[in-house]
Protein backbone atom coordinates (compact mmCIF):
# COMPACT_ATOMS: atom_id res chain seq x y z
CA UNK A 1 3.34 -40.87 64.74
CA UNK A 2 2.49 -44.34 66.61
CA UNK A 3 5.60 -46.50 67.66
CA UNK A 4 4.99 -49.24 65.71
CA UNK A 5 6.87 -52.37 67.06
CA UNK A 6 9.81 -53.08 64.33
CA UNK A 7 10.19 -55.09 61.48
CA UNK A 8 11.70 -58.09 59.96
CA UNK A 9 15.28 -60.09 59.58
CA UNK A 10 17.19 -60.81 56.16
CA UNK A 11 19.02 -63.29 54.36
CA UNK A 12 23.17 -63.08 53.75
CA UNK A 13 25.72 -60.82 51.84
CA UNK A 14 29.54 -60.40 51.63
CA UNK A 15 32.52 -58.36 52.09
CA UNK A 16 35.11 -56.64 50.07
CA UNK A 17 34.57 -55.96 46.47
CA UNK A 18 35.38 -57.64 43.35
CA UNK A 19 36.64 -54.28 41.39
CA UNK A 20 35.68 -51.90 44.09
CA UNK A 21 32.61 -50.90 41.66
CA UNK A 22 31.21 -48.97 44.42
CA UNK A 23 28.52 -46.50 43.68
CA UNK A 24 29.26 -45.30 40.12
CA UNK A 25 30.02 -49.06 38.54
CA UNK A 26 33.44 -50.00 36.41
CA UNK A 27 34.44 -48.82 33.23
CA UNK A 28 34.68 -51.98 31.11
CA UNK A 29 37.89 -52.19 28.83
CA UNK A 30 36.80 -51.36 24.98
CA UNK A 31 37.55 -54.59 22.93
CA UNK A 32 35.71 -55.96 19.57
CA UNK A 33 33.87 -58.33 21.56
CA UNK A 34 32.56 -55.44 23.81
CA UNK A 35 31.95 -53.39 20.67
CA UNK A 36 30.21 -56.00 19.34
CA UNK A 37 27.91 -56.63 22.54
CA UNK A 38 26.99 -52.86 22.46
CA UNK A 39 25.81 -53.37 19.02
CA UNK A 40 24.12 -56.92 20.03
CA UNK A 41 21.82 -54.48 22.60
CA UNK A 42 22.37 -56.98 25.91
CA UNK A 43 19.85 -57.47 28.59
CA UNK A 44 20.31 -58.46 32.00
CA UNK A 45 18.00 -61.79 32.17
CA UNK A 46 19.23 -63.21 35.36
CA UNK A 47 21.73 -62.30 37.88
CA UNK A 48 22.91 -63.06 41.51
CA UNK A 49 24.98 -60.68 43.72
CA UNK A 50 28.54 -62.15 44.91
CA UNK A 51 29.30 -62.83 48.64
CA UNK A 52 32.46 -63.84 50.11
CA UNK A 53 33.02 -67.41 50.83
CA UNK A 54 31.20 -67.94 54.21
CA UNK A 55 29.27 -71.21 55.80
CA UNK A 56 25.82 -69.62 55.28
CA UNK A 57 22.53 -71.47 56.40
CA UNK A 58 22.53 -74.17 54.80
CA UNK A 59 25.79 -76.27 53.21
CA UNK A 60 27.45 -74.93 50.47
CA UNK A 61 30.75 -75.85 48.57
CA UNK A 62 32.04 -72.11 49.00
CA UNK A 63 34.85 -72.49 51.45
CA UNK A 64 36.18 -75.56 50.48
CA UNK A 65 36.26 -74.60 46.52
CA UNK A 66 37.02 -77.02 43.80
CA UNK A 67 39.91 -79.13 41.71
CA UNK A 68 38.99 -81.22 38.82
CA UNK A 69 35.23 -80.86 39.55
CA UNK A 70 32.28 -79.57 37.18
CA UNK A 71 30.04 -77.43 38.67
CA UNK A 72 26.26 -77.48 36.52
CA UNK A 73 23.50 -74.57 37.70
CA UNK A 74 20.15 -73.72 36.56
CA UNK A 75 18.88 -70.35 36.14
CA UNK A 76 15.65 -69.13 34.76
CA UNK A 77 16.11 -65.81 32.50
CA UNK A 78 13.70 -63.66 32.15
CA UNK A 79 14.33 -61.95 28.51
CA UNK A 80 14.44 -63.50 25.13
CA UNK A 81 17.24 -63.62 22.45
CA UNK A 82 19.25 -65.21 19.90
CA UNK A 83 22.40 -65.10 21.98
CA UNK A 84 23.63 -65.51 25.58
CA UNK A 85 26.81 -64.66 27.22
CA UNK A 86 27.44 -65.22 30.83
CA UNK A 87 29.00 -63.06 33.64
CA UNK A 88 31.61 -64.63 35.96
CA UNK A 89 32.85 -63.00 39.35
CA UNK A 90 35.84 -64.03 41.43
CA UNK A 91 34.97 -60.80 43.49
CA UNK A 92 36.24 -62.44 46.80
CA UNK A 93 38.88 -64.41 45.29
CA UNK A 94 42.64 -63.97 46.69
CA UNK A 95 44.12 -65.33 43.94
CA UNK A 96 43.19 -65.70 39.97
CA UNK A 97 40.54 -68.41 39.02
CA UNK A 98 40.67 -70.55 36.17
CA UNK A 99 38.26 -71.26 34.38
CA UNK A 100 38.87 -74.04 32.19
CA UNK A 101 36.00 -74.33 30.25
CA UNK A 102 32.24 -73.38 30.37
CA UNK A 103 29.29 -74.56 28.31
CA UNK A 104 25.72 -73.14 28.18
CA UNK A 105 22.43 -75.12 27.32
CA UNK A 106 18.81 -75.29 27.36
CA UNK A 107 17.74 -77.26 30.70
CA UNK A 108 15.81 -80.51 30.16
CA UNK A 109 13.19 -79.66 32.30
CA UNK A 110 12.30 -82.22 35.23
CA UNK A 111 15.51 -84.06 34.69
CA UNK A 112 17.67 -82.59 37.10
CA UNK A 113 21.30 -81.53 35.73
CA UNK A 114 20.63 -82.80 32.07
CA UNK A 115 20.30 -80.62 29.27
CA UNK A 116 18.61 -80.83 26.07
CA UNK A 117 20.04 -83.13 23.55
CA UNK A 118 22.23 -80.82 20.62
CA UNK A 119 21.55 -77.39 22.51
CA UNK A 120 25.43 -77.44 24.48
CA UNK A 121 26.97 -74.44 23.73
CA UNK A 122 31.13 -73.85 24.42
CA UNK A 123 31.33 -70.60 26.01
CA UNK A 124 34.67 -68.51 24.60
CA UNK A 125 36.05 -65.52 26.40
CA UNK A 126 37.64 -63.17 23.58
CA UNK A 127 38.06 -66.26 21.66
CA UNK A 128 39.63 -68.59 24.09
CA UNK A 129 37.61 -71.45 25.83
CA UNK A 130 39.79 -70.91 29.00
CA UNK A 131 40.50 -68.10 30.88
CA UNK A 132 42.10 -66.65 33.93
CA UNK A 133 40.03 -64.22 36.17
CA UNK A 134 41.72 -61.79 37.92
CA UNK A 135 41.31 -62.03 42.15
CA UNK A 136 38.65 -59.63 42.88
CA UNK A 137 37.98 -59.16 39.36
CA UNK A 138 35.00 -60.35 36.89
CA UNK A 139 34.31 -60.66 33.11
CA UNK A 140 31.77 -61.71 30.47
CA UNK A 141 31.99 -64.13 28.09
CA UNK A 142 31.86 -63.74 24.08
CA UNK A 143 28.43 -64.28 22.56
CA UNK A 144 27.03 -67.84 22.03
CA UNK A 145 24.10 -68.68 19.64
CA UNK A 146 21.86 -70.04 21.69
CA UNK A 147 18.10 -68.60 20.82
CA UNK A 148 16.25 -68.42 24.38
CA UNK A 149 12.76 -67.14 25.50
CA UNK A 150 11.49 -65.08 27.98
CA UNK A 151 11.20 -67.50 31.50
CA UNK A 152 13.46 -70.55 29.67
CA UNK A 153 15.72 -72.01 32.14
CA UNK A 154 19.06 -72.60 30.54
CA UNK A 155 22.01 -74.37 32.35
CA UNK A 156 25.20 -73.04 33.03
CA UNK A 157 28.47 -75.75 33.45
CA UNK A 158 31.88 -74.78 34.29
CA UNK A 159 35.02 -77.17 34.64
CA UNK A 160 37.58 -76.14 37.06
CA UNK A 161 40.34 -78.58 36.58
CA UNK A 162 42.85 -76.82 38.96
CA UNK A 163 42.24 -76.19 42.80
CA UNK A 164 40.45 -72.79 43.36
CA UNK A 165 40.64 -72.05 46.74
CA UNK A 166 37.52 -70.74 48.27
CA UNK A 167 34.57 -69.63 46.07
CA UNK A 168 32.97 -66.35 45.14
CA UNK A 169 29.28 -67.70 45.30
CA UNK A 170 25.81 -66.57 46.26
CA UNK A 171 24.52 -67.95 49.60
CA UNK A 172 20.61 -68.86 48.66
CA UNK A 173 19.97 -70.03 45.43
CA UNK A 174 16.29 -71.47 46.38
CA UNK A 175 17.70 -74.12 43.52
CA UNK A 176 19.61 -77.06 43.47
CA UNK A 177 23.15 -76.70 41.69
CA UNK A 178 24.81 -79.96 40.79
CA UNK A 179 28.70 -80.98 41.06
CA UNK A 180 30.69 -83.97 39.27
CA UNK A 181 34.03 -85.42 39.61
CA UNK A 182 36.10 -84.97 36.37
CA UNK A 183 35.41 -83.05 33.04
CA UNK A 184 31.34 -83.28 32.10
CA UNK A 185 30.91 -79.73 30.67
CA UNK A 186 29.71 -81.08 27.32
CA UNK A 187 27.49 -83.97 29.34
CA UNK A 188 23.91 -84.02 28.36
CA UNK A 189 23.03 -86.21 30.30
CA UNK A 190 23.23 -85.16 34.19
CA UNK A 191 24.09 -88.35 35.31
CA UNK A 192 27.72 -87.43 36.85
CA UNK A 193 26.52 -84.75 38.58
CA UNK A 194 25.62 -86.82 41.93
CA UNK A 195 26.21 -83.97 44.73
CA UNK A 196 24.32 -81.01 45.23
CA UNK A 197 23.47 -77.90 46.83
CA UNK A 198 21.51 -74.85 47.30
CA UNK A 199 24.08 -72.32 46.55
CA UNK A 200 25.52 -70.59 42.84
CA UNK A 201 29.15 -70.42 42.22
CA UNK A 202 31.02 -67.60 40.18
CA UNK A 203 28.21 -67.08 38.04
CA UNK A 204 26.90 -63.68 38.71
CA UNK A 205 24.38 -62.77 35.45
CA UNK A 206 23.05 -64.18 32.41
CA UNK A 207 22.91 -61.80 29.67
CA UNK A 208 20.64 -61.91 26.09
CA UNK A 209 21.06 -60.12 22.74
CA UNK A 210 20.67 -60.03 19.08
CA UNK A 211 21.13 -57.97 16.22
CA UNK A 212 17.81 -56.05 16.31
CA UNK A 213 17.50 -53.05 18.86
CA UNK A 214 15.64 -53.74 21.73
CA UNK A 215 13.64 -51.62 24.66
CA UNK A 216 15.55 -50.80 27.35
CA UNK A 217 12.93 -51.68 30.30
CA UNK A 218 14.74 -54.12 32.33
CA UNK A 219 14.10 -54.03 35.96
CA UNK A 220 16.59 -54.82 39.20
CA UNK A 221 15.45 -55.81 42.17
CA UNK A 222 18.03 -54.60 44.91
CA UNK A 223 17.66 -55.22 48.66
CA UNK A 224 18.32 -58.07 51.21
CA UNK A 225 16.49 -61.72 52.24
CA UNK A 226 13.22 -60.56 51.10
CA UNK A 227 14.26 -59.56 48.04
CA UNK A 228 16.55 -62.75 47.55
CA UNK A 229 13.03 -64.24 48.30
CA UNK A 230 13.80 -66.17 51.55
CA UNK A 231 11.34 -68.93 52.14
CA UNK A 232 10.28 -69.27 48.46
CA UNK A 233 9.65 -72.91 47.48
CA UNK A 234 12.98 -73.92 46.52
CA UNK A 235 13.06 -75.49 42.65
CA UNK A 236 9.71 -73.63 41.78
CA UNK A 237 10.93 -70.24 40.39
CA UNK A 238 8.51 -68.70 43.04
CA UNK A 239 10.63 -65.72 44.05
CA UNK A 240 9.53 -62.05 43.93
CA UNK A 241 11.44 -61.45 40.81
CA UNK A 242 10.35 -64.59 39.17
CA UNK A 243 6.57 -62.94 39.92
CA UNK A 244 7.25 -59.69 38.58
CA UNK A 245 8.87 -60.85 35.61
CA UNK A 246 5.49 -63.32 34.94
CA UNK A 247 3.43 -60.16 35.67
CA UNK A 248 5.06 -57.23 33.71
CA UNK A 249 6.52 -59.34 30.97
CA UNK A 250 9.68 -56.89 31.36
CA UNK A 251 13.22 -58.86 32.24
CA UNK A 252 13.88 -59.01 35.56
CA UNK A 253 17.19 -59.42 37.42
CA UNK A 254 17.67 -60.05 41.14
CA UNK A 255 20.25 -58.69 43.61
CA UNK A 256 19.16 -59.30 46.82
CA UNK A 257 21.21 -60.54 49.63
CA UNK A 258 19.89 -61.78 52.77
CA UNK A 259 20.91 -60.06 55.90
CA UNK A 260 22.58 -57.14 53.64
CA UNK A 261 22.70 -53.77 55.25
CA UNK A 262 22.29 -50.05 53.98
CA UNK A 263 25.01 -48.62 56.06
CA UNK A 264 27.52 -51.23 57.04
CA UNK A 265 29.44 -54.09 55.69
CA UNK A 266 29.56 -57.64 57.28
CA UNK A 267 31.45 -60.61 57.17
CA UNK A 268 28.11 -62.85 56.84
CA UNK A 269 25.78 -60.37 54.98
CA UNK A 270 28.08 -58.84 52.58
CA UNK A 271 29.27 -55.14 51.38
CA UNK A 272 26.98 -52.18 52.38
CA UNK A 273 24.29 -51.75 49.73
CA UNK A 274 25.88 -48.40 49.11
CA UNK A 275 29.18 -50.01 48.47
CA UNK A 276 27.80 -52.67 45.97
CA UNK A 277 24.66 -50.53 43.95
CA UNK A 278 27.10 -49.71 41.13
CA UNK A 279 28.24 -53.25 41.00
CA UNK A 280 25.19 -55.12 41.25
CA UNK A 281 22.35 -52.51 39.87
CA UNK A 282 24.00 -49.73 37.78
CA UNK A 283 26.45 -52.02 35.63
CA UNK A 284 23.10 -54.20 34.65
CA UNK A 285 22.92 -54.06 30.51
CA UNK A 286 19.50 -52.74 29.30
CA UNK A 287 18.06 -51.80 32.68
CA UNK A 288 15.66 -48.74 32.91
CA UNK A 289 14.32 -49.30 36.82
CA UNK A 290 15.96 -50.24 40.00
CA UNK A 291 13.68 -51.07 43.15
CA UNK A 292 15.30 -50.61 46.58
CA UNK A 293 14.31 -52.88 49.64
CA UNK A 294 16.61 -52.25 52.20
CA UNK A 295 17.07 -51.03 55.68
CA UNK A 296 15.05 -53.77 58.15
CA UNK A 297 18.38 -55.27 59.00
CA UNK A 298 20.05 -51.89 59.50
CA UNK A 299 17.45 -51.15 62.37
CA UNK A 300 16.34 -54.75 63.55
CA UNK A 301 20.27 -56.56 64.22
CA UNK A 302 20.25 -54.39 67.43
CA UNK A 303 17.04 -55.54 68.53
CA UNK A 304 18.47 -59.23 68.36
CA UNK A 305 20.71 -59.96 71.39
CA UNK A 306 21.51 -63.72 70.78
CA UNK A 307 22.21 -63.68 67.67
CA UNK A 308 26.30 -63.54 66.56
CA UNK A 309 26.13 -63.43 63.09
CA UNK A 310 24.22 -59.88 63.12
CA UNK A 311 27.39 -58.26 63.78
CA UNK A 312 27.72 -55.10 63.30
CA UNK A 313 24.61 -53.93 65.12
CA UNK A 314 24.87 -50.21 66.00
CA UNK A 315 21.81 -48.34 67.02
CA UNK A 316 20.87 -46.67 63.55
CA UNK A 317 18.48 -43.81 63.20
CA UNK A 318 15.70 -42.93 60.54
CA UNK A 319 18.02 -39.98 59.40
CA UNK A 320 21.24 -42.14 59.13
CA UNK A 321 19.04 -44.78 57.05
CA UNK A 322 17.57 -41.76 54.65
CA UNK A 323 21.10 -40.49 54.21
CA UNK A 324 21.91 -44.14 52.76
CA UNK A 325 18.79 -43.95 50.57
CA UNK A 326 19.38 -40.69 49.31
CA UNK A 327 22.88 -41.63 48.02
CA UNK A 328 21.51 -44.99 46.18
CA UNK A 329 18.53 -42.26 44.51
CA UNK A 330 21.52 -39.87 43.46
CA UNK A 331 23.73 -42.56 41.89
CA UNK A 332 20.81 -44.40 39.80
CA UNK A 333 19.31 -40.75 38.72
CA UNK A 334 22.92 -39.94 37.69
CA UNK A 335 22.79 -43.04 35.33
CA UNK A 336 19.68 -42.03 33.98
CA UNK A 337 17.54 -44.78 35.93
CA UNK A 338 14.02 -44.38 37.53
CA UNK A 339 14.33 -45.80 41.12
CA UNK A 340 11.34 -46.75 43.09
CA UNK A 341 11.31 -47.16 46.57
CA UNK A 342 9.67 -49.70 48.89
CA UNK A 343 8.23 -49.01 52.17
CA UNK A 344 9.82 -51.71 54.92
CA UNK A 345 7.60 -54.75 55.54
CA UNK A 346 5.54 -55.42 59.02
CA UNK A 347 7.57 -57.05 61.38
CA UNK A 348 5.93 -57.41 64.63
CA UNK A 349 6.88 -60.80 66.77
CA UNK A 350 10.26 -61.71 64.60
CA UNK A 351 13.46 -61.17 66.08
CA UNK A 352 14.03 -57.84 64.81
CA UNK A 353 10.97 -56.35 66.63
CA UNK A 354 11.38 -54.01 68.97
CA UNK A 355 10.69 -50.15 70.72
CA UNK A 356 13.52 -48.75 68.68
CA UNK A 357 13.20 -50.41 65.34
CA UNK A 358 9.55 -50.15 65.38
CA UNK A 359 9.76 -46.39 65.58
CA UNK A 360 12.51 -45.92 63.10
CA UNK A 361 10.37 -48.09 60.36
CA UNK A 362 7.40 -45.88 61.32
CA UNK A 363 9.90 -42.83 60.60
CA UNK A 364 11.53 -44.27 57.12
CA UNK A 365 8.21 -45.60 55.85
CA UNK A 366 6.46 -42.10 56.15
CA UNK A 367 9.53 -40.42 54.19
CA UNK A 368 9.39 -42.70 51.77
CA UNK A 369 5.55 -42.40 51.00
CA UNK A 370 5.83 -38.45 51.32
CA UNK A 371 9.12 -37.17 50.56
CA UNK A 372 8.90 -37.63 46.86
CA UNK A 373 12.79 -38.00 46.69
CA UNK A 374 11.99 -41.79 45.12
CA UNK A 375 10.36 -41.68 41.46
CA UNK A 376 7.83 -44.10 42.89
CA UNK A 377 7.23 -46.21 45.74
CA UNK A 378 5.38 -49.76 46.33
CA UNK A 379 3.73 -49.68 49.86
CA UNK A 380 4.90 -53.18 51.12
CA UNK A 381 4.13 -52.18 54.71
CA UNK A 382 0.77 -51.66 53.79
CA UNK A 383 -0.10 -54.37 51.38
CA UNK A 384 1.20 -57.30 53.34
CA UNK A 385 0.17 -55.97 56.94
CA UNK A 386 -2.03 -58.55 59.10
CA UNK A 387 -6.12 -57.13 59.24
CA UNK A 388 -6.56 -55.50 62.27
CA UNK A 389 -2.98 -55.44 63.51
CA UNK A 390 -0.48 -53.09 60.75
CA UNK A 391 2.41 -53.76 62.40
CA UNK A 392 2.16 -57.56 62.15
CA UNK A 393 2.60 -59.50 58.48
CA UNK A 394 -0.48 -60.65 57.37
CA UNK A 395 -0.75 -64.76 58.34
CA UNK A 396 -1.92 -65.45 54.82
CA UNK A 397 1.71 -64.11 53.39
CA UNK A 398 4.03 -65.19 56.16
CA UNK A 399 6.61 -67.73 55.75
CA UNK A 400 6.30 -68.48 59.38
CA UNK A 401 9.04 -66.41 61.01
CA UNK A 402 7.16 -63.02 61.18
CA UNK A 403 9.99 -61.74 58.96
CA UNK A 404 9.51 -63.16 55.40
CA UNK A 405 6.77 -63.74 52.94
CA UNK A 406 5.74 -67.01 51.66
CA UNK A 407 4.85 -67.55 47.90
CA UNK A 408 1.51 -65.86 47.91
CA UNK A 409 3.05 -63.17 49.72
CA UNK A 410 6.10 -62.50 46.76
CA UNK A 411 3.03 -62.57 44.07
CA UNK A 412 1.24 -59.63 46.30
CA UNK A 413 4.62 -58.12 46.25
CA UNK A 414 5.21 -58.29 42.31
CA UNK A 415 1.86 -57.35 41.92
CA UNK A 416 2.28 -54.01 44.44
CA UNK A 417 5.22 -53.14 42.23
CA UNK A 418 3.97 -53.88 38.95
CA UNK A 419 1.46 -51.14 39.84
CA UNK A 420 3.81 -48.34 39.84
CA UNK A 421 6.24 -49.28 37.22
């Protein structure tokens, strides 16, 4: 096998686990609302993996948290339904979190934080508008009657009357999130929402449902910053997951975390993939397939000598990474899910590039292509390689750091995956 110089960087994850969900997920308590949810055949239509409060790559509110403020978040759902509910996470909270009130509405396109008049629905939790989420806990709301179409944007608004302390969040949203002083959860206008960041707070999922049976055909994209779509155009829904939903017509949920590692936890880049797989992949309703793209941070962090956030950075072998992949494969199969592996993208010229990472990435990609242990594989390494230099990301698909694709690259990734689904 040729020694191919290494491959890529990634965006940013988390540390301690919400419900210690691990590989097998967590059992949800049975309740009338849970039984109704099962009958409604819920489908995950949007998602974001929770992260530990941290500085991040761009300014955010996670470390300061919220007090007597309203947070408004716009997300694009990839499935349709007559009802909607949300999933909230206090995974990295050290004390209970009180949600004073929450609403969901259809987004008024092109109007910032505004929502469609008449579409605001107050959400309840076991019949009550206010709810307390335990430290390191999560919960789902009751169903709200809000018909939504596939690829429509909805706006979720949380009013936090108390002082929250540091907030569980998702660092890189590639979309604006809005904040207002006081209670503006039911406002149709966005005038009060004068502050913005590009992170999501507490919101980890939107699920759609209805009375009629629906096919279980959702897809979870599980990975690091490439899955998280680092470098995609903000506020334009040009992520890899958006492109795959558009191409396939199937619900697609993005559970990438920038900088994530398969084998090690990181204060900046989150719990290792094998620890968060249960929560972020297996515990998604209506899903039949998981697409895994992880590993370049494991082999590339040790090549980057002047990056203080790239810790831990042990020298990782292909055998160690393959052991990690096998854990994910076994866990997915135990839940009856199909699991698609993805070869690691070319990274020549990036800060993850080096002799060791080059060799290990080649060995890992050879195993993904030839072992047959994944149910199928998407060959991103081949699809996105530069003509005449297979170790380098094609400039036509390069965001500009020799690590991450641009919008065109993410569309090509979606096409490559769609061909093997």
